[in-house]
Amino acid sequence: MTIKQAQQQVDQWIKTVGVRYFSELTNMAILTEEVGELARIMARKYGDQSFKKSDRDKDLGDEMADVLWVLLCLANQTGVDLTEALKKNFEKKTKRDAKRHLKNKKLKD
């Protein structure tokens, strides 16, 4: 599935199953909530925190997909083509960071 297809499928789902999009501000709040849920699992799986009983059954991929879902909703609502935005972002990072990371002694082992 391409990013464009994902945007289209989310849009179709919202219009048929979800009735309508939540407001942009509501979706921004939901995105923040979903990122927090992802962070919680990451902190427990890869960080120093121990799992709580309620977190043990959480699926990392599902939490990431929740973040992506809401981001796709926001892109649809605001008219952002994420495929084009990502292409431009790659260009920006490549130009800006062409030698930056190569010179970073912290990244060399």
Protein backbone atom coordinates (compact mmCIF):
# COMPACT_ATOMS: atom_id res chain seq x y z
CA MET A 1 0.00 0.00 0.00
CA THR A 2 1.36 3.42 -0.92
CA ILE A 3 0.98 6.49 1.25
CA LYS A 4 -1.50 7.89 -1.25
CA GLN A 5 -3.54 4.67 -1.13
CA ALA A 6 -3.48 4.77 2.66
CA GLN A 7 -4.79 8.34 2.62
CA GLN A 8 -7.55 7.28 0.23
CA GLN A 9 -8.50 4.21 2.25
CA VAL A 10 -8.65 6.17 5.49
CA ASP A 11 -10.82 8.78 3.76
CA GLN A 12 -13.17 6.10 2.43
CA TRP A 13 -13.40 4.43 5.85
CA ILE A 14 -14.15 7.73 7.57
CA LYS A 15 -16.90 8.54 5.08
CA THR A 16 -18.56 5.10 5.25
CA VAL A 17 -17.90 3.73 8.74
CA GLY A 18 -16.75 6.71 10.75
CA VAL A 19 -19.59 8.99 9.55
CA ARG A 20 -17.33 12.08 9.36
CA TYR A 21 -13.94 13.37 10.40
CA PHE A 22 -13.52 14.76 13.89
CA SER A 23 -12.41 18.40 13.82
CA GLU A 24 -8.76 19.09 13.06
CA LEU A 25 -8.17 20.23 16.62
CA THR A 26 -9.79 17.08 18.04
CA ASN A 27 -7.66 14.93 15.74
CA MET A 28 -4.54 16.82 16.82
CA ALA A 29 -5.40 16.03 20.44
CA ILE A 30 -6.04 12.39 19.51
CA LEU A 31 -2.68 12.26 17.69
CA THR A 32 -0.96 13.51 20.81
CA GLU A 33 -2.76 10.87 22.87
CA GLU A 34 -1.77 8.10 20.45
CA VAL A 35 1.88 9.23 20.44
CA GLY A 36 1.76 9.09 24.24
CA GLU A 37 0.46 5.52 24.14
CA LEU A 38 3.27 4.58 21.76
CA ALA A 39 5.82 6.30 23.99
CA ARG A 40 4.52 4.37 26.99
CA ILE A 41 5.10 1.02 25.27
CA MET A 42 8.52 2.09 23.97
CA ALA A 43 9.58 3.23 27.47
CA ARG A 44 8.60 -0.13 28.89
CA LYS A 45 9.95 -2.33 26.10
CA TYR A 46 13.19 -0.48 25.31
CA GLY A 47 13.59 1.88 28.25
CA ASP A 48 13.98 1.50 31.97
CA GLN A 49 10.34 1.33 33.00
CA SER A 50 8.75 -1.98 33.89
CA PHE A 51 5.50 -3.10 32.32
CA LYS A 52 2.27 -2.54 34.16
CA LYS A 53 -0.26 -5.34 33.94
CA SER A 54 -2.47 -3.17 31.68
CA ASP A 55 0.40 -2.61 29.22
CA ARG A 56 1.54 -6.19 28.76
CA ASP A 57 -0.87 -7.01 25.95
CA LYS A 58 -0.25 -3.82 23.95
CA ASP A 59 1.06 -4.36 20.43
CA LEU A 60 3.80 -1.98 19.32
CA GLY A 61 2.81 -2.19 15.65
CA ASP A 62 -0.81 -1.47 16.47
CA GLU A 63 0.19 1.59 18.50
CA MET A 64 2.30 2.85 15.58
CA ALA A 65 -0.61 2.23 13.21
CA ASP A 66 -2.88 4.29 15.47
CA VAL A 67 -0.44 7.21 15.18
CA LEU A 68 -0.26 6.80 11.40
CA TRP A 69 -4.06 6.59 11.11
CA VAL A 70 -4.64 9.92 12.84
CA LEU A 71 -1.80 11.54 10.89
CA LEU A 72 -3.43 10.36 7.66
CA CYS A 73 -6.74 11.83 8.86
CA LEU A 74 -5.09 15.18 9.54
CA ALA A 75 -3.39 15.15 6.14
CA ASN A 76 -6.71 14.46 4.43
CA GLN A 77 -8.46 17.18 6.39
CA THR A 78 -5.83 19.81 5.66
CA GLY A 79 -5.25 18.93 2.02
CA VAL A 80 -1.71 17.63 2.49
CA ASP A 81 -0.46 15.04 0.01
CA LEU A 82 1.86 13.10 2.31
CA THR A 83 3.65 11.43 -0.61
CA GLU A 84 4.72 14.81 -1.97
CA ALA A 85 5.41 16.17 1.51
CA LEU A 86 7.68 13.20 2.27
CA LYS A 87 9.55 13.59 -1.03
CA LYS A 88 10.19 17.27 -0.25
CA ASN A 89 11.22 16.35 3.29
CA PHE A 90 13.80 13.86 1.96
CA GLU A 91 15.19 16.56 -0.33
CA LYS A 92 15.39 19.05 2.54
CA LYS A 93 17.13 16.60 4.86
CA THR A 94 19.52 15.38 2.17
CA LYS A 95 20.58 18.93 1.33
CA ARG A 96 20.78 20.11 4.94
CA ASP A 97 22.44 17.02 6.37
CA ALA A 98 24.63 15.95 3.44
CA LYS A 99 27.78 15.91 5.60
CA ARG A 100 26.45 16.70 9.06
CA HIS A 101 25.99 13.11 10.23
CA LEU A 102 29.21 11.92 8.60
CA LYS A 103 31.09 14.46 10.72
CA ASN A 104 29.32 13.49 13.93
CA LYS A 105 31.86 11.61 16.05
CA LYS A 106 29.06 10.31 18.27
CA LEU A 107 27.74 8.21 15.38
CA LYS A 108 31.07 6.50 14.66
CA ASP A 109 31.97 3.35 16.55
